[in-house]
């Protein structure tokens, strides 16, 4: 266990370790943003499709 903590401490102290941590944080933020967008869109999907269907039904197509 002591070896693990030493390895983690060394990794974080190095330049590469800091860069990896930055990328992981950016990736996690991007994933959370994408999940929140998907949750918002899917929560309102029934309302959106219903409103679109109603608008399409109300359109009169001119004929000859």
Foldseek 3Di string as FASTA:
>chain_A
DVVVVVVLVVLCPDPNSVVVVVVVVVVVVVVVVVVVVVVVCVVCVVVVVVVVVVVVVPDDDDDD
